C-alpha atoms as a PDB file:
ATOM      1  CA  MET A   1      46.653 -30.956  26.529  1.00  0.00           C
ATOM      2  CA  SER A   2      46.085 -30.418  22.954  1.00  0.00           C
ATOM      3  CA  THR A   3      43.787 -32.593  22.689  1.00  0.00           C
ATOM      4  CA  ASN A   4      41.504 -30.609  25.663  1.00  0.00           C
ATOM      5  CA  LYS A   5      42.148 -27.605  23.144  1.00  0.00           C
ATOM      6  CA  SER A   6      40.793 -29.020  20.025  1.00  0.00           C
ATOM      7  CA  ALA A   7      37.625 -30.234  21.705  1.00  0.00           C
ATOM      8  CA  SER A   8      37.881 -27.160  23.316  1.00  0.00           C
ATOM      9  CA  TYR A   9      37.860 -25.816  19.298  1.00  0.00           C
ATOM     10  CA  ARG A  10      34.706 -27.962  18.358  1.00  0.00           C
ATOM     11  CA  SER A  11      32.691 -26.889  21.404  1.00  0.00           C
ATOM     12  CA  TYR A  12      33.292 -23.554  20.512  1.00  0.00           C
ATOM     13  CA  LYS A  13      32.582 -23.898  16.447  1.00  0.00           C
ATOM     14  CA  ARG A  14      29.521 -26.016  17.548  1.00  0.00           C
ATOM     15  CA  GLN A  15      28.156 -22.914  19.657  1.00  0.00           C
ATOM     16  CA  GLN A  16      28.694 -20.886  16.708  1.00  0.00           C
ATOM     17  CA  VAL A  17      26.947 -22.867  13.886  1.00  0.00           C
ATOM     18  CA  LEU A  18      24.210 -23.122  16.941  1.00  0.00           C
ATOM     19  CA  VAL A  19      23.718 -19.432  17.605  1.00  0.00           C
ATOM     20  CA  GLY A  20      24.020 -18.628  13.294  1.00  0.00           C
ATOM     21  CA  TYR A  21      21.112 -20.897  13.035  1.00  0.00           C
ATOM     22  CA  ILE A  22      19.384 -19.477  15.873  1.00  0.00           C
ATOM     23  CA  CYS A  23      19.594 -16.134  14.259  1.00  0.00           C
ATOM     24  CA  ILE A  24      18.342 -17.324  10.723  1.00  0.00           C
ATOM     25  CA  LEU A  25      15.430 -19.349  12.283  1.00  0.00           C
ATOM     26  CA  PRO A  26      12.846 -16.354  11.932  1.00  0.00           C
ATOM     27  CA  ALA A  27      14.116 -16.240   8.045  1.00  0.00           C
ATOM     28  CA  ILE A  28      13.704 -19.956   7.859  1.00  0.00           C
ATOM     29  CA  LEU A  29      10.024 -20.433   9.813  1.00  0.00           C
ATOM     30  CA  GLY A  30       9.137 -17.331   7.507  1.00  0.00           C
ATOM     31  CA  VAL A  31       9.766 -19.208   4.424  1.00  0.00           C
ATOM     32  CA  PHE A  32       7.943 -22.126   5.612  1.00  0.00           C
ATOM     33  CA  ILE A  33       5.097 -20.185   7.253  1.00  0.00           C
ATOM     34  CA  PHE A  34       4.453 -17.888   5.293  1.00  0.00           C
ATOM     35  CA  THR A  35       5.353 -18.923   1.355  1.00  0.00           C
ATOM     36  CA  LEU A  36       6.430 -22.502   1.188  1.00  0.00           C
ATOM     37  CA  GLY A  37       3.376 -23.630   3.468  1.00  0.00           C
ATOM     38  CA  PRO A  38       0.496 -21.509   1.578  1.00  0.00           C
ATOM     39  CA  LEU A  39       2.272 -23.068  -1.989  1.00  0.00           C
ATOM     40  CA  LEU A  40       1.798 -26.638  -0.947  1.00  0.00           C
ATOM     41  CA  TYR A  41      -1.885 -26.546   0.343  1.00  0.00           C
ATOM     42  CA  SER A  42      -2.660 -24.497  -2.784  1.00  0.00           C
ATOM     43  CA  LEU A  43      -1.468 -27.564  -4.706  1.00  0.00           C
ATOM     44  CA  TYR A  44      -3.416 -29.673  -2.041  1.00  0.00           C
ATOM     45  CA  ILE A  45      -6.557 -27.302  -2.631  1.00  0.00           C
ATOM     46  CA  SER A  46      -6.379 -27.159  -6.720  1.00  0.00           C
ATOM     47  CA  PHE A  47      -7.651 -31.121  -6.885  1.00  0.00           C
ATOM     48  CA  THR A  48     -10.712 -30.186  -4.500  1.00  0.00           C
ATOM     49  CA  ASP A  49     -13.797 -28.821  -5.019  1.00  0.00           C
ATOM     50  CA  TRP A  50     -13.998 -26.110  -2.869  1.00  0.00           C
ATOM     51  CA  THR A  51     -16.572 -23.188  -2.689  1.00  0.00           C
ATOM     52  CA  ILE A  52     -15.395 -21.460   0.979  1.00  0.00           C
ATOM     53  CA  LEU A  53     -19.611 -21.285   1.842  1.00  0.00           C
ATOM     54  CA  LYS A  54     -19.263 -25.382   1.560  1.00  0.00           C
ATOM     55  CA  PRO A  55     -16.647 -28.165   2.607  1.00  0.00           C
ATOM     56  CA  MET A  56     -13.655 -29.405   0.555  1.00  0.00           C
ATOM     57  CA  GLN A  57     -14.053 -32.420  -1.444  1.00  0.00           C
ATOM     58  CA  TRP A  58     -11.636 -33.946  -3.141  1.00  0.00           C
ATOM     59  CA  ILE A  59     -11.838 -34.272  -6.985  1.00  0.00           C
ATOM     60  CA  GLY A  60      -8.500 -35.580  -8.161  1.00  0.00           C
ATOM     61  CA  LEU A  61      -7.386 -33.560 -11.426  1.00  0.00           C
ATOM     62  CA  ALA A  62     -11.142 -32.654 -12.426  1.00  0.00           C
ATOM     63  CA  ASN A  63     -10.231 -28.872 -12.180  1.00  0.00           C
ATOM     64  CA  TYR A  64      -7.168 -29.139 -14.601  1.00  0.00           C
ATOM     65  CA  ARG A  65      -9.104 -31.134 -17.315  1.00  0.00           C
ATOM     66  CA  ALA A  66     -11.990 -28.460 -17.326  1.00  0.00           C
ATOM     67  CA  ILE A  67      -9.393 -25.891 -17.670  1.00  0.00           C
ATOM     68  CA  PHE A  68      -7.966 -27.896 -20.675  1.00  0.00           C
ATOM     69  CA  THR A  69     -10.808 -29.221 -22.492  1.00  0.00           C
ATOM     70  CA  GLU A  70     -14.198 -26.842 -21.319  1.00  0.00           C
ATOM     71  CA  ASP A  71     -12.861 -23.187 -20.283  1.00  0.00           C
ATOM     72  CA  LEU A  72     -12.934 -21.093 -22.897  1.00  0.00           C
ATOM     73  CA  PHE A  73     -12.006 -17.699 -20.718  1.00  0.00           C
ATOM     74  CA  PHE A  74      -8.816 -20.005 -20.007  1.00  0.00           C
ATOM     75  CA  TYR A  75      -7.656 -19.462 -23.792  1.00  0.00           C
ATOM     76  CA  ASP A  76      -9.343 -16.099 -23.577  1.00  0.00           C
ATOM     77  CA  SER A  77      -6.923 -15.162 -20.782  1.00  0.00           C
ATOM     78  CA  LEU A  78      -3.835 -16.657 -22.385  1.00  0.00           C
ATOM     79  CA  LYS A  79      -4.381 -14.836 -25.514  1.00  0.00           C
ATOM     80  CA  ALA A  80      -5.046 -11.567 -24.002  1.00  0.00           C
ATOM     81  CA  THR A  81      -1.561 -12.014 -21.627  1.00  0.00           C
ATOM     82  CA  ALA A  82       0.442 -13.288 -24.784  1.00  0.00           C
ATOM     83  CA  PHE A  83      -0.536  -9.855 -26.349  1.00  0.00           C
ATOM     84  CA  TYR A  84      -0.060  -7.894 -23.616  1.00  0.00           C
ATOM     85  CA  SER A  85       3.198  -9.317 -22.354  1.00  0.00           C
ATOM     86  CA  ILE A  86       5.274  -9.444 -25.917  1.00  0.00           C
ATOM     87  CA  GLY A  87       3.899  -5.680 -26.439  1.00  0.00           C
ATOM     88  CA  CYS A  88       5.367  -4.427 -22.762  1.00  0.00           C
ATOM     89  CA  VAL A  89       8.373  -6.764 -22.977  1.00  0.00           C
ATOM     90  CA  VAL A  90       9.422  -5.532 -26.650  1.00  0.00           C
ATOM     91  CA  VAL A  91       8.320  -1.632 -26.597  1.00  0.00           C
ATOM     92  CA  SER A  92       9.326  -1.084 -23.185  1.00  0.00           C
ATOM     93  CA  ILE A  93      12.873  -2.274 -23.871  1.00  0.00           C
ATOM     94  CA  VAL A  94      13.341  -0.703 -27.046  1.00  0.00           C
ATOM     95  CA  PHE A  95      11.905   2.198 -25.776  1.00  0.00           C
ATOM     96  CA  CYS A  96      13.915   2.399 -22.641  1.00  0.00           C
ATOM     97  CA  LEU A  97      16.981   1.570 -23.945  1.00  0.00           C
ATOM     98  CA  ILE A  98      16.447   4.356 -26.724  1.00  0.00           C
ATOM     99  CA  VAL A  99      15.748   6.988 -23.661  1.00  0.00           C
ATOM    100  CA  ALA A 100      18.480   5.886 -21.747  1.00  0.00           C
ATOM    101  CA  LEU A 101      21.242   6.282 -24.539  1.00  0.00           C
ATOM    102  CA  PHE A 102      19.815   9.445 -25.185  1.00  0.00           C
ATOM    103  CA  LEU A 103      19.790  10.851 -21.027  1.00  0.00           C
ATOM    104  CA  ASN A 104      23.319   9.072 -21.556  1.00  0.00           C
ATOM    105  CA  GLN A 105      24.486  12.098 -23.482  1.00  0.00           C
ATOM    106  CA  ASP A 106      25.953  15.220 -21.992  1.00  0.00           C
ATOM    107  CA  ILE A 107      22.923  17.300 -22.849  1.00  0.00           C
ATOM    108  CA  LYS A 108      21.521  20.415 -21.487  1.00  0.00           C
ATOM    109  CA  GLY A 109      18.879  19.707 -18.872  1.00  0.00           C
ATOM    110  CA  ARG A 110      19.561  15.649 -18.399  1.00  0.00           C
ATOM    111  CA  ALA A 111      18.840  15.840 -14.826  1.00  0.00           C
ATOM    112  CA  PHE A 112      15.508  17.372 -15.560  1.00  0.00           C
ATOM    113  CA  PHE A 113      14.566  14.557 -18.318  1.00  0.00           C
ATOM    114  CA  ARG A 114      15.636  11.953 -15.953  1.00  0.00           C
ATOM    115  CA  ALA A 115      13.794  13.388 -13.428  1.00  0.00           C
ATOM    116  CA  VAL A 116      10.610  13.373 -15.728  1.00  0.00           C
ATOM    117  CA  PHE A 117      10.960  10.121 -17.052  1.00  0.00           C
ATOM    118  CA  TYR A 118      11.449   8.190 -13.489  1.00  0.00           C
ATOM    119  CA  LEU A 119       8.667  10.075 -12.190  1.00  0.00           C
ATOM    120  CA  PRO A 120       5.928   7.902 -13.418  1.00  0.00           C
ATOM    121  CA  SER A 121       7.365   4.635 -12.154  1.00  0.00           C
ATOM    122  CA  ILE A 122       6.447   5.731  -8.143  1.00  0.00           C
ATOM    123  CA  ILE A 123       3.362   6.732  -9.070  1.00  0.00           C
ATOM    124  CA  PRO A 124       0.709   4.074  -7.857  1.00  0.00           C
ATOM    125  CA  VAL A 125      -0.432   1.610 -10.193  1.00  0.00           C
ATOM    126  CA  LEU A 126      -4.251   2.101  -9.595  1.00  0.00           C
ATOM    127  CA  ALA A 127      -3.774   6.003  -9.421  1.00  0.00           C
ATOM    128  CA  THR A 128      -2.244   5.564 -12.636  1.00  0.00           C
ATOM    129  CA  SER A 129      -5.088   3.541 -14.044  1.00  0.00           C
ATOM    130  CA  ILE A 130      -7.620   6.160 -12.622  1.00  0.00           C
ATOM    131  CA  ILE A 131      -5.130   8.964 -14.647  1.00  0.00           C
ATOM    132  CA  TRP A 132      -5.182   6.903 -18.001  1.00  0.00           C
ATOM    133  CA  LEU A 133      -8.809   6.271 -18.033  1.00  0.00           C
ATOM    134  CA  TRP A 134      -9.471  10.268 -17.966  1.00  0.00           C
ATOM    135  CA  LEU A 135      -7.012  10.917 -20.804  1.00  0.00           C
ATOM    136  CA  TYR A 136      -8.258   8.020 -22.994  1.00  0.00           C
ATOM    137  CA  ASN A 137     -11.827   8.739 -22.326  1.00  0.00           C
ATOM    138  CA  PRO A 138     -13.313   8.735 -26.061  1.00  0.00           C
ATOM    139  CA  ASP A 139     -15.586  12.087 -25.429  1.00  0.00           C
ATOM    140  CA  PHE A 140     -13.689  14.475 -23.405  1.00  0.00           C
ATOM    141  CA  GLY A 141     -10.286  12.548 -22.708  1.00  0.00           C
ATOM    142  CA  ILE A 142      -7.112  14.826 -23.841  1.00  0.00           C
ATOM    143  CA  ILE A 143      -5.667  11.856 -25.939  1.00  0.00           C
ATOM    144  CA  ASN A 144      -8.498  12.216 -28.376  1.00  0.00           C
ATOM    145  CA  HIS A 145      -8.482  16.155 -28.543  1.00  0.00           C
ATOM    146  CA  ILE A 146      -4.638  15.925 -29.279  1.00  0.00           C
ATOM    147  CA  LEU A 147      -5.500  13.378 -32.451  1.00  0.00           C
ATOM    148  CA  SER A 148      -7.883  15.416 -33.740  1.00  0.00           C
ATOM    149  CA  PHE A 149      -5.433  17.843 -34.395  1.00  0.00           C
ATOM    150  CA  VAL A 150      -3.873  15.752 -36.910  1.00  0.00           C
ATOM    151  CA  GLY A 151      -6.754  14.080 -38.750  1.00  0.00           C
ATOM    152  CA  ILE A 152      -7.123  10.890 -36.410  1.00  0.00           C
ATOM    153  CA  GLU A 153     -10.544   9.915 -35.858  1.00  0.00           C
ATOM    154  CA  LYS A 154     -11.691   9.620 -32.130  1.00  0.00           C
ATOM    155  CA  LEU A 155     -10.151   5.848 -31.060  1.00  0.00           C
ATOM    156  CA  MET A 156     -12.100   4.073 -28.440  1.00  0.00           C
ATOM    157  CA  TRP A 157      -9.147   3.123 -26.597  1.00  0.00           C
ATOM    158  CA  VAL A 158      -9.984   0.827 -23.561  1.00  0.00           C
ATOM    159  CA  ASN A 159     -13.178   0.477 -24.525  1.00  0.00           C
ATOM    160  CA  SER A 160     -13.056  -1.130 -27.887  1.00  0.00           C
ATOM    161  CA  PRO A 161     -11.297  -5.036 -28.034  1.00  0.00           C
ATOM    162  CA  ASP A 162      -9.001  -3.815 -31.260  1.00  0.00           C
ATOM    163  CA  THR A 163      -7.414  -0.907 -29.207  1.00  0.00           C
ATOM    164  CA  SER A 164      -7.829  -2.014 -25.611  1.00  0.00           C
ATOM    165  CA  VAL A 165      -3.934  -4.450 -25.032  1.00  0.00           C
ATOM    166  CA  LEU A 166      -2.619  -1.448 -26.792  1.00  0.00           C
ATOM    167  CA  SER A 167      -3.636   0.992 -24.625  1.00  0.00           C
ATOM    168  CA  MET A 168      -2.612  -0.866 -21.637  1.00  0.00           C
ATOM    169  CA  VAL A 169       0.786  -1.662 -23.174  1.00  0.00           C
ATOM    170  CA  LEU A 170       1.588   2.508 -23.675  1.00  0.00           C
ATOM    171  CA  ILE A 171       0.636   3.180 -19.778  1.00  0.00           C
ATOM    172  CA  ALA A 172       3.105   0.178 -19.097  1.00  0.00           C
ATOM    173  CA  VAL A 173       5.720   1.916 -21.069  1.00  0.00           C
ATOM    174  CA  TRP A 174       5.015   5.212 -19.684  1.00  0.00           C
ATOM    175  CA  GLY A 175       5.381   3.516 -16.407  1.00  0.00           C
ATOM    176  CA  SER A 176       8.522   2.207 -17.034  1.00  0.00           C
ATOM    177  CA  GLY A 177      11.214   4.565 -15.847  1.00  0.00           C
ATOM    178  CA  ASN A 178      12.980   2.050 -13.498  1.00  0.00           C
ATOM    179  CA  VAL A 179      14.198   0.533 -16.358  1.00  0.00           C
ATOM    180  CA  ILE A 180      15.087   3.879 -17.898  1.00  0.00           C
ATOM    181  CA  VAL A 181      17.034   3.515 -14.763  1.00  0.00           C
ATOM    182  CA  ILE A 182      18.650   0.005 -14.915  1.00  0.00           C
ATOM    183  CA  PHE A 183      19.606   0.824 -18.321  1.00  0.00           C
ATOM    184  CA  LEU A 184      21.161   3.847 -17.663  1.00  0.00           C
ATOM    185  CA  ALA A 185      23.681   2.986 -14.830  1.00  0.00           C
ATOM    186  CA  GLY A 186      24.656  -0.023 -17.475  1.00  0.00           C
ATOM    187  CA  LEU A 187      25.841   2.480 -19.989  1.00  0.00           C
ATOM    188  CA  GLN A 188      27.588   4.557 -17.927  1.00  0.00           C
ATOM    189  CA  ASP A 189      29.308   1.335 -16.887  1.00  0.00           C
ATOM    190  CA  VAL A 190      30.938   0.744 -20.729  1.00  0.00           C
ATOM    191  CA  PRO A 191      34.310   1.056 -20.536  1.00  0.00           C
ATOM    192  CA  LYS A 192      35.509   4.528 -22.533  1.00  0.00           C
ATOM    193  CA  HIS A 193      39.012   2.601 -23.899  1.00  0.00           C
ATOM    194  CA  LEU A 194      36.762   0.262 -25.852  1.00  0.00           C
ATOM    195  CA  LEU A 195      34.308   3.312 -27.663  1.00  0.00           C
ATOM    196  CA  GLU A 196      37.878   4.858 -27.718  1.00  0.00           C
ATOM    197  CA  ALA A 197      39.183   2.091 -29.640  1.00  0.00           C
ATOM    198  CA  VAL A 198      36.170   2.365 -32.194  1.00  0.00           C
ATOM    199  CA  GLU A 199      36.761   5.528 -32.976  1.00  0.00           C
ATOM    200  CA  ILE A 200      40.504   5.802 -33.366  1.00  0.00           C
ATOM    201  CA  ASP A 201      39.630   2.446 -36.218  1.00  0.00           C
ATOM    202  CA  GLY A 202      37.572   5.455 -37.919  1.00  0.00           C
ATOM    203  CA  GLY A 203      33.900   4.000 -36.604  1.00  0.00           C
ATOM    204  CA  GLY A 204      31.172   6.120 -35.707  1.00  0.00           C
ATOM    205  CA  TRP A 205      28.481   6.090 -33.095  1.00  0.00           C
ATOM    206  CA  TRP A 206      26.537   3.190 -35.067  1.00  0.00           C
ATOM    207  CA  HIS A 207      29.540   1.290 -34.999  1.00  0.00           C
ATOM    208  CA  LYS A 208      29.983   2.338 -31.006  1.00  0.00           C
ATOM    209  CA  LEU A 209      25.990   1.334 -30.951  1.00  0.00           C
ATOM    210  CA  THR A 210      26.466  -2.113 -32.476  1.00  0.00           C
ATOM    211  CA  SER A 211      29.781  -2.837 -31.904  1.00  0.00           C
ATOM    212  CA  VAL A 212      30.508  -2.476 -28.238  1.00  0.00           C
ATOM    213  CA  THR A 213      27.324  -0.857 -26.123  1.00  0.00           C
ATOM    214  CA  LEU A 214      24.344  -3.215 -26.884  1.00  0.00           C
ATOM    215  CA  PRO A 215      27.113  -6.170 -26.463  1.00  0.00           C
ATOM    216  CA  LEU A 216      28.062  -5.164 -23.007  1.00  0.00           C
ATOM    217  CA  MET A 217      24.432  -4.123 -22.838  1.00  0.00           C
ATOM    218  CA  THR A 218      22.913  -7.274 -22.913  1.00  0.00           C
ATOM    219  CA  PRO A 219      23.256  -9.001 -19.414  1.00  0.00           C
ATOM    220  CA  ILE A 220      20.881  -5.931 -18.484  1.00  0.00           C
ATOM    221  CA  ILE A 221      18.657  -6.205 -21.763  1.00  0.00           C
ATOM    222  CA  PHE A 222      18.305  -9.872 -19.993  1.00  0.00           C
ATOM    223  CA  TYR A 223      17.380  -8.556 -16.813  1.00  0.00           C
ATOM    224  CA  ASN A 224      14.779  -6.432 -17.800  1.00  0.00           C
ATOM    225  CA  VAL A 225      13.042  -9.185 -20.059  1.00  0.00           C
ATOM    226  CA  ILE A 226      13.084 -11.445 -17.051  1.00  0.00           C
ATOM    227  CA  LEU A 227      11.698  -9.003 -14.655  1.00  0.00           C
ATOM    228  CA  GLY A 228       9.434  -7.246 -17.426  1.00  0.00           C
ATOM    229  CA  PHE A 229       7.787 -10.788 -18.651  1.00  0.00           C
ATOM    230  CA  VAL A 230       6.854 -12.106 -15.195  1.00  0.00           C
ATOM    231  CA  ASN A 231       5.706  -8.280 -14.036  1.00  0.00           C
ATOM    232  CA  SER A 232       3.967  -8.354 -17.170  1.00  0.00           C
ATOM    233  CA  ILE A 233       2.098 -11.708 -17.467  1.00  0.00           C
ATOM    234  CA  THR A 234       1.431 -11.378 -13.887  1.00  0.00           C
ATOM    235  CA  ALA A 235      -0.547  -8.256 -14.357  1.00  0.00           C
ATOM    236  CA  PHE A 236      -3.699  -7.505 -12.678  1.00  0.00           C
ATOM    237  CA  THR A 237      -4.677  -4.139 -11.677  1.00  0.00           C
ATOM    238  CA  GLN A 238      -4.803  -2.305 -15.143  1.00  0.00           C
ATOM    239  CA  ALA A 239      -7.622  -4.951 -15.849  1.00  0.00           C
ATOM    240  CA  TYR A 240      -9.230  -4.431 -12.487  1.00  0.00           C
ATOM    241  CA  SER A 241      -9.531  -1.201 -12.051  1.00  0.00           C
ATOM    242  CA  MET A 242      -9.905   0.100 -16.042  1.00  0.00           C
ATOM    243  CA  THR A 243     -11.668  -2.527 -17.492  1.00  0.00           C
ATOM    244  CA  GLN A 244     -12.626  -5.353 -15.669  1.00  0.00           C
ATOM    245  CA  GLY A 245     -11.710  -8.262 -18.178  1.00  0.00           C
ATOM    246  CA  GLY A 246     -13.731  -6.322 -21.179  1.00  0.00           C
ATOM    247  CA  PRO A 247     -14.210  -5.725 -23.812  1.00  0.00           C
ATOM    248  CA  GLU A 248     -15.266  -9.180 -25.136  1.00  0.00           C
ATOM    249  CA  ASN A 249     -12.840 -10.478 -23.185  1.00  0.00           C
ATOM    250  CA  SER A 250      -9.603  -8.464 -24.407  1.00  0.00           C
ATOM    251  CA  THR A 251      -7.811  -7.528 -21.812  1.00  0.00           C
ATOM    252  CA  LEU A 252      -8.854 -10.363 -19.607  1.00  0.00           C
ATOM    253  CA  PHE A 253      -5.982 -11.124 -17.990  1.00  0.00           C
ATOM    254  CA  TYR A 254      -4.964 -14.521 -16.815  1.00  0.00           C
ATOM    255  CA  ALA A 255      -4.132 -12.965 -12.865  1.00  0.00           C
ATOM    256  CA  PHE A 256      -7.628 -10.725 -13.076  1.00  0.00           C
ATOM    257  CA  TYR A 257      -9.140 -14.368 -14.249  1.00  0.00           C
ATOM    258  CA  ILE A 258      -7.688 -16.209 -11.314  1.00  0.00           C
ATOM    259  CA  TYR A 259      -8.999 -13.244  -9.607  1.00  0.00           C
ATOM    260  CA  ARG A 260     -12.775 -13.690 -10.460  1.00  0.00           C
ATOM    261  CA  GLU A 261     -12.850 -17.312 -10.244  1.00  0.00           C
ATOM    262  CA  ALA A 262     -11.406 -17.346  -6.740  1.00  0.00           C
ATOM    263  CA  PHE A 263     -12.858 -13.614  -4.847  1.00  0.00           C
ATOM    264  CA  GLN A 264     -16.123 -13.256  -7.537  1.00  0.00           C
ATOM    265  CA  ARG A 265     -17.039 -16.918  -8.020  1.00  0.00           C
ATOM    266  CA  GLN A 266     -15.821 -17.878  -4.649  1.00  0.00           C
ATOM    267  CA  SER A 267     -14.246 -21.064  -6.662  1.00  0.00           C
ATOM    268  CA  MET A 268     -11.242 -21.658  -4.891  1.00  0.00           C
ATOM    269  CA  GLY A 269     -10.275 -25.022  -6.028  1.00  0.00           C
ATOM    270  CA  TYR A 270     -10.452 -23.993  -9.539  1.00  0.00           C
ATOM    271  CA  ALA A 271      -8.798 -20.839  -9.197  1.00  0.00           C
ATOM    272  CA  SER A 272      -5.782 -22.311  -7.439  1.00  0.00           C
ATOM    273  CA  ALA A 273      -5.676 -24.547 -10.174  1.00  0.00           C
ATOM    274  CA  LEU A 274      -5.167 -22.173 -12.969  1.00  0.00           C
ATOM    275  CA  ALA A 275      -2.339 -20.469 -10.775  1.00  0.00           C
ATOM    276  CA  TRP A 276      -0.753 -23.622 -10.827  1.00  0.00           C
ATOM    277  CA  VAL A 277      -0.775 -23.813 -14.845  1.00  0.00           C
ATOM    278  CA  LEU A 278       0.038 -20.080 -14.833  1.00  0.00           C
ATOM    279  CA  PHE A 279       3.321 -21.013 -12.195  1.00  0.00           C
ATOM    280  CA  ILE A 280       3.836 -23.899 -15.103  1.00  0.00           C
ATOM    281  CA  ILE A 281       4.041 -21.666 -18.012  1.00  0.00           C
ATOM    282  CA  VAL A 282       5.867 -19.011 -16.000  1.00  0.00           C
ATOM    283  CA  SER A 283       8.623 -21.543 -15.075  1.00  0.00           C
ATOM    284  CA  PHE A 284       8.565 -22.985 -17.934  1.00  0.00           C
ATOM    285  CA  PHE A 285       9.267 -19.899 -20.365  1.00  0.00           C
ATOM    286  CA  THR A 286      11.552 -18.288 -17.696  1.00  0.00           C
ATOM    287  CA  TYR A 287      13.636 -21.594 -18.575  1.00  0.00           C
ATOM    288  CA  LEU A 288      13.562 -21.199 -22.154  1.00  0.00           C
ATOM    289  CA  LEU A 289      15.040 -17.444 -21.705  1.00  0.00           C
ATOM    290  CA  PHE A 290      17.842 -18.873 -19.456  1.00  0.00           C
ATOM    291  CA  LYS A 291      18.438 -21.586 -21.876  1.00  0.00           C
ATOM    292  CA  SER A 292      18.794 -18.921 -24.887  1.00  0.00           C
ATOM    293  CA  SER A 293      20.783 -16.697 -23.545  1.00  0.00           C
ATOM    294  CA  SER A 294      23.894 -18.177 -23.287  1.00  0.00           C
ATOM    295  CA  GLY A 295      23.417 -17.547 -27.769  1.00  0.00           C
ATOM    296  CA  TRP A 296      23.322 -13.461 -27.464  1.00  0.00           C
ATOM    297  CA  VAL A 297      24.286 -12.487 -24.039  1.00  0.00           C
ATOM    298  CA  HIS A 298      27.714 -11.375 -23.238  1.00  0.00           C
ATOM    299  CA  TYR A 299      30.229 -10.083 -20.846  1.00  0.00           C
ATOM    300  CA  GLU A 300      33.179  -7.888 -20.570  1.00  0.00           C
ATOM    301  CA  GLY A 301      34.881 -10.819 -19.420  1.00  0.00           C
ATOM    302  CA  GLY A 302      33.805 -13.413 -22.151  1.00  0.00           C
ATOM    303  CA  LYS A 303      32.286 -15.641 -19.442  1.00  0.00           C
ATOM    304  CA  LYS A 304      28.334 -16.614 -18.975  1.00  0.00           C
END
């Protein structure tokens, strides 16, 4: 009798497992068909010479060899993307943390200011780019008009290689309201009793910030650094809609360069090789960030 119950129970468990796999089958198929499949196919394409209009031809590592030894645009795009990514991550983290600290105080109109700082992040990037093109216009842009009142001469902004990346960074910082919200949520989770303990010991706001708030905010900072790095190093819309990679390739961001090779020059094999190089670069620096996090990311429970 017990043997029959055991066999029946095992049969029931197998049926449950089978039903579970059937339920998750659409998600598994989606990953293989729409993510893993195209990913592996792009890897194969990267070893070919394929311009869509002619048959695919296997050329081995020729695309990768050309990227590192012949393609000057590759290094220009790396330089532009590196400057933009470092600027976006550093400036955005510092700016958003300062704003979040301000919005976390009990001030009048706090809800209004929160909405004002968050609103730009929900505006589509293309619309944002068009708006900032008007603001940056050297002749009738309002930014130059305001700067003229304080004696600053007219700047060319996105029209000059000296200020184009800075202009893009300012746009990214302006639209980083979601980062402010994340920081604000983290600040509200800082234990009050730790701040009160600093007060009892005679510490001021600076001691609270450096001894309690910032150490406990390091996981949130780390999260925003990772997201900011990945988003900035794959930036595309700003270069496409505002500068087309100019002037003098100063905003030739890597993602836009891949687009240009693939859809303007129809060099799909070469563009796929560029995409895989970007994948390796992002993976490498993400690994370094995670590896370094053990030295500066702290948690309230002491575990990392």
